[in-house]
Structure formats: structure tokens, C-alpha cells
């Protein structure tokens, strides 16, 4: 159903995300435990946000709760994660 739904971006959201990206603030979409990467990519593409939200948490990440998805998202955007070992 989500692949066919016509999503609209809230007023100002795209501009805000563009500004965050301009200042290199990492952004993550937490799609939860029910949406897979393919479905999320489709939704973001139709909404015009795919390039503005390169990091995501989806069903493939194995989170069971919203709280877990947010924690995984925090780890994925953490600057320490990008540092070499």
C-alpha cells in the first residue's frame, strides 16, 4: 500500500532538510520495523527527499520498537561511526 500512496511533503520540510544538508547535519529517516528499504526508497523518491535523507532505519535493521529504531538512527548518524578504527 505504501508504494502506491501519494505522499506530500509538509510545507517548509524540504527547505529545512536542504539547509541541514548544506551545513552537513546528518539526517536519518526512522521508518520503523514494518517498512523495508525498497518501500522507504520509493516513498522518499516520490516525496522528493531521497537525496536529503541518505541514512535510514528500516525493517532490515531488526528493531522491535520505535525507541530501538531511534537509537539505531543515532548510532548511524554518529560522527564516531565515520571515524576509522
N, C-alpha and C. Protein backbone atom coordinates (compact mmCIF):
# COMPACT_ATOMS: atom_id res chain seq x y z
N UNK A 1 0.81 -1.18 0.00
CA UNK A 1 0.00 0.00 0.00
C UNK A 1 0.87 1.26 0.00
N UNK A 2 1.95 1.27 0.78
CA UNK A 2 2.79 2.47 0.87
C UNK A 2 3.48 2.79 -0.45
N UNK A 3 3.79 1.77 -1.23
CA UNK A 3 4.46 2.01 -2.50
C UNK A 3 3.58 2.79 -3.47
N UNK A 4 2.26 2.67 -3.31
CA UNK A 4 1.33 3.33 -4.22
C UNK A 4 0.73 4.62 -3.65
N UNK A 5 0.92 4.87 -2.37
CA UNK A 5 0.33 6.05 -1.73
C UNK A 5 1.05 7.31 -2.19
N UNK A 6 0.31 8.37 -2.43
CA UNK A 6 0.90 9.63 -2.88
C UNK A 6 1.22 10.51 -1.68
N UNK A 7 2.48 10.55 -1.31
CA UNK A 7 2.92 11.33 -0.16
C UNK A 7 3.20 12.77 -0.57
N UNK A 8 2.89 13.69 0.32
CA UNK A 8 3.20 15.10 0.11
C UNK A 8 4.06 15.58 1.28
N UNK A 9 5.06 16.36 0.96
CA UNK A 9 5.95 16.89 1.98
C UNK A 9 5.27 18.08 2.65
N UNK A 10 5.39 18.15 3.97
CA UNK A 10 4.83 19.28 4.72
C UNK A 10 5.51 20.57 4.29
N UNK A 11 4.77 21.66 4.33
CA UNK A 11 5.32 22.96 3.96
C UNK A 11 6.58 23.26 4.77
N UNK A 12 7.65 23.62 4.07
CA UNK A 12 8.89 24.01 4.71
C UNK A 12 9.83 22.86 5.03
N UNK A 13 9.35 21.62 4.97
CA UNK A 13 10.19 20.48 5.35
C UNK A 13 11.37 20.29 4.40
N UNK A 14 11.11 20.39 3.11
CA UNK A 14 12.19 20.18 2.14
C UNK A 14 13.25 21.28 2.27
N UNK A 15 12.81 22.51 2.47
CA UNK A 15 13.76 23.61 2.65
C UNK A 15 14.59 23.42 3.91
N UNK A 16 13.94 22.96 4.98
CA UNK A 16 14.63 22.73 6.24
C UNK A 16 15.68 21.62 6.09
N UNK A 17 15.29 20.52 5.45
CA UNK A 17 16.24 19.42 5.23
C UNK A 17 17.38 19.85 4.31
N UNK A 18 17.08 20.67 3.32
CA UNK A 18 18.12 21.19 2.43
C UNK A 18 19.12 22.02 3.22
N UNK A 19 18.64 22.86 4.11
CA UNK A 19 19.51 23.68 4.95
C UNK A 19 20.37 22.81 5.87
N UNK A 20 19.76 21.79 6.48
CA UNK A 20 20.53 20.87 7.33
C UNK A 20 21.64 20.20 6.53
N UNK A 21 21.33 19.76 5.32
CA UNK A 21 22.33 19.12 4.47
C UNK A 21 23.42 20.10 4.07
N UNK A 22 23.06 21.34 3.81
CA UNK A 22 24.03 22.37 3.45
C UNK A 22 25.06 22.57 4.55
N UNK A 23 24.61 22.47 5.80
CA UNK A 23 25.50 22.61 6.95
C UNK A 23 26.03 21.27 7.46
N UNK A 24 25.84 20.23 6.67
CA UNK A 24 26.36 18.88 6.94
C UNK A 24 25.85 18.31 8.26
N UNK A 25 24.59 18.59 8.58
CA UNK A 25 23.95 17.99 9.75
C UNK A 25 23.38 16.66 9.30
N UNK A 26 23.82 15.55 9.88
CA UNK A 26 23.33 14.25 9.44
C UNK A 26 21.84 14.08 9.72
N UNK A 27 21.14 13.54 8.74
CA UNK A 27 19.69 13.31 8.86
C UNK A 27 19.40 11.84 8.65
N UNK A 28 18.46 11.32 9.41
CA UNK A 28 18.10 9.91 9.35
C UNK A 28 16.59 9.78 9.35
N UNK A 29 16.08 8.90 8.51
CA UNK A 29 14.66 8.58 8.50
C UNK A 29 14.48 7.26 9.25
N UNK A 30 13.67 7.28 10.29
CA UNK A 30 13.36 6.06 11.04
C UNK A 30 12.01 5.55 10.58
N UNK A 31 12.03 4.55 9.71
CA UNK A 31 10.80 4.01 9.13
C UNK A 31 10.21 2.89 9.99
N UNK A 32 10.92 2.51 11.02
CA UNK A 32 10.39 1.50 11.93
C UNK A 32 10.60 0.07 11.49
N UNK A 33 9.86 -0.80 12.11
CA UNK A 33 10.05 -2.24 11.91
C UNK A 33 9.19 -2.81 10.80
N UNK A 34 8.32 -2.01 10.20
CA UNK A 34 7.39 -2.55 9.22
C UNK A 34 7.70 -2.17 7.78
N UNK A 35 8.53 -1.18 7.55
CA UNK A 35 8.83 -0.73 6.19
C UNK A 35 10.23 -1.16 5.79
N UNK A 36 10.35 -1.82 4.64
CA UNK A 36 11.67 -2.25 4.17
C UNK A 36 12.35 -1.12 3.39
N UNK A 37 13.63 -1.31 3.08
CA UNK A 37 14.41 -0.27 2.40
C UNK A 37 13.81 0.11 1.05
N UNK A 38 13.33 -0.87 0.32
CA UNK A 38 12.74 -0.60 -1.00
C UNK A 38 11.51 0.28 -0.91
N UNK A 39 10.63 -0.02 0.04
CA UNK A 39 9.42 0.78 0.23
C UNK A 39 9.79 2.20 0.65
N UNK A 40 10.74 2.32 1.57
CA UNK A 40 11.15 3.65 2.03
C UNK A 40 11.77 4.45 0.89
N UNK A 41 12.62 3.81 0.10
CA UNK A 41 13.25 4.50 -1.04
C UNK A 41 12.18 5.01 -2.00
N UNK A 42 11.16 4.22 -2.23
CA UNK A 42 10.06 4.62 -3.11
C UNK A 42 9.31 5.83 -2.55
N UNK A 43 9.02 5.80 -1.26
CA UNK A 43 8.31 6.91 -0.61
C UNK A 43 9.16 8.18 -0.66
N UNK A 44 10.43 8.07 -0.32
CA UNK A 44 11.31 9.25 -0.32
C UNK A 44 11.48 9.81 -1.73
N UNK A 45 11.57 8.95 -2.71
CA UNK A 45 11.71 9.39 -4.10
C UNK A 45 10.48 10.18 -4.54
N UNK A 46 9.30 9.65 -4.26
CA UNK A 46 8.07 10.35 -4.65
C UNK A 46 7.90 11.67 -3.91
N UNK A 47 8.40 11.73 -2.68
CA UNK A 47 8.28 12.95 -1.89
C UNK A 47 9.39 13.96 -2.22
N UNK A 48 10.37 13.55 -3.03
CA UNK A 48 11.48 14.43 -3.39
C UNK A 48 12.50 14.60 -2.29
N UNK A 49 12.60 13.61 -1.41
CA UNK A 49 13.51 13.71 -0.26
C UNK A 49 14.65 12.69 -0.27
N UNK A 50 14.72 11.90 -1.28
CA UNK A 50 15.69 10.79 -1.28
C UNK A 50 17.13 11.26 -1.06
N UNK A 51 17.53 12.32 -1.74
CA UNK A 51 18.91 12.81 -1.60
C UNK A 51 19.14 13.56 -0.29
N UNK A 52 18.06 13.99 0.36
CA UNK A 52 18.19 14.77 1.58
C UNK A 52 18.23 13.89 2.83
N UNK A 53 17.87 12.63 2.69
CA UNK A 53 17.85 11.69 3.83
C UNK A 53 18.59 10.42 3.45
N UNK A 54 19.91 10.47 3.39
CA UNK A 54 20.67 9.31 2.93
C UNK A 54 20.78 8.16 3.94
N UNK A 55 20.48 8.44 5.20
CA UNK A 55 20.61 7.43 6.24
C UNK A 55 19.20 7.01 6.67
N UNK A 56 19.01 5.71 6.85
CA UNK A 56 17.67 5.25 7.24
C UNK A 56 17.74 4.05 8.18
N UNK A 57 16.66 3.89 8.92
CA UNK A 57 16.46 2.72 9.76
C UNK A 57 15.17 2.08 9.26
N UNK A 58 15.28 0.83 8.82
CA UNK A 58 14.13 0.12 8.26
C UNK A 58 14.00 -1.25 8.90
N UNK A 59 13.06 -2.02 8.40
CA UNK A 59 12.80 -3.35 8.95
C UNK A 59 14.06 -4.22 8.94
N UNK A 60 14.92 -4.02 7.96
CA UNK A 60 16.15 -4.83 7.87
C UNK A 60 17.10 -4.60 9.03
N UNK A 61 16.93 -3.52 9.75
CA UNK A 61 17.80 -3.24 10.90
C UNK A 61 17.40 -4.03 12.13
N UNK A 62 16.25 -4.69 12.10
CA UNK A 62 15.86 -5.59 13.18
C UNK A 62 15.34 -4.94 14.45
N UNK A 63 14.93 -3.70 14.37
CA UNK A 63 14.39 -3.02 15.56
C UNK A 63 12.97 -3.52 15.84
N UNK A 64 12.68 -3.72 17.11
CA UNK A 64 11.35 -4.20 17.50
C UNK A 64 10.45 -3.07 17.99
N UNK A 65 11.05 -1.96 18.40
CA UNK A 65 10.26 -0.84 18.92
C UNK A 65 10.72 0.46 18.27
N UNK A 66 9.89 1.48 18.39
CA UNK A 66 10.26 2.80 17.89
C UNK A 66 11.50 3.31 18.59
N UNK A 67 11.58 3.06 19.89
CA UNK A 67 12.73 3.50 20.66
C UNK A 67 14.03 2.89 20.14
N UNK A 68 13.99 1.61 19.81
CA UNK A 68 15.16 0.95 19.25
C UNK A 68 15.54 1.56 17.91
N UNK A 69 14.54 1.87 17.08
CA UNK A 69 14.80 2.48 15.78
C UNK A 69 15.49 3.83 15.94
N UNK A 70 15.04 4.64 16.91
CA UNK A 70 15.67 5.93 17.16
C UNK A 70 17.11 5.77 17.65
N UNK A 71 17.34 4.80 18.50
CA UNK A 71 18.70 4.55 18.99
C UNK A 71 19.62 4.11 17.85
N UNK A 72 19.15 3.22 16.99
CA UNK A 72 19.93 2.78 15.85
C UNK A 72 20.20 3.97 14.92
N UNK A 73 19.20 4.82 14.74
CA UNK A 73 19.38 6.02 13.93
C UNK A 73 20.47 6.92 14.49
N UNK A 74 20.48 7.09 15.81
CA UNK A 74 21.52 7.90 16.46
C UNK A 74 22.90 7.32 16.22
N UNK A 75 23.00 6.02 16.29
CA UNK A 75 24.29 5.36 16.06
C UNK A 75 24.72 5.55 14.61
N UNK A 76 23.76 5.43 13.68
CA UNK A 76 24.09 5.56 12.27
C UNK A 76 24.56 6.97 11.89
N UNK A 77 24.07 7.98 12.56
CA UNK A 77 24.48 9.36 12.22
C UNK A 77 25.64 9.86 13.09
N UNK A 78 26.06 9.06 14.05
CA UNK A 78 27.12 9.47 14.96
C UNK A 78 28.42 9.73 14.21
N UNK A 79 29.06 10.86 14.49
CA UNK A 79 30.36 11.13 13.85
C UNK A 79 31.41 10.08 14.19
N UNK A 80 31.33 9.48 15.36
CA UNK A 80 32.30 8.45 15.74
C UNK A 80 32.20 7.23 14.84
N UNK A 81 31.03 6.99 14.29
CA UNK A 81 30.85 5.84 13.40
C UNK A 81 31.65 6.02 12.12
N UNK A 82 31.82 7.25 11.68
CA UNK A 82 32.53 7.52 10.44
C UNK A 82 34.06 7.53 10.63
N UNK A 83 34.51 7.50 11.87
CA UNK A 83 35.93 7.54 12.14
C UNK A 83 36.56 6.17 11.90
N UNK A 84 37.79 6.14 11.39
CA UNK A 84 38.46 4.85 11.20
C UNK A 84 38.77 4.20 12.55
N UNK A 85 38.90 2.86 12.53
CA UNK A 85 39.20 2.12 13.77
C UNK A 85 40.58 2.42 14.28
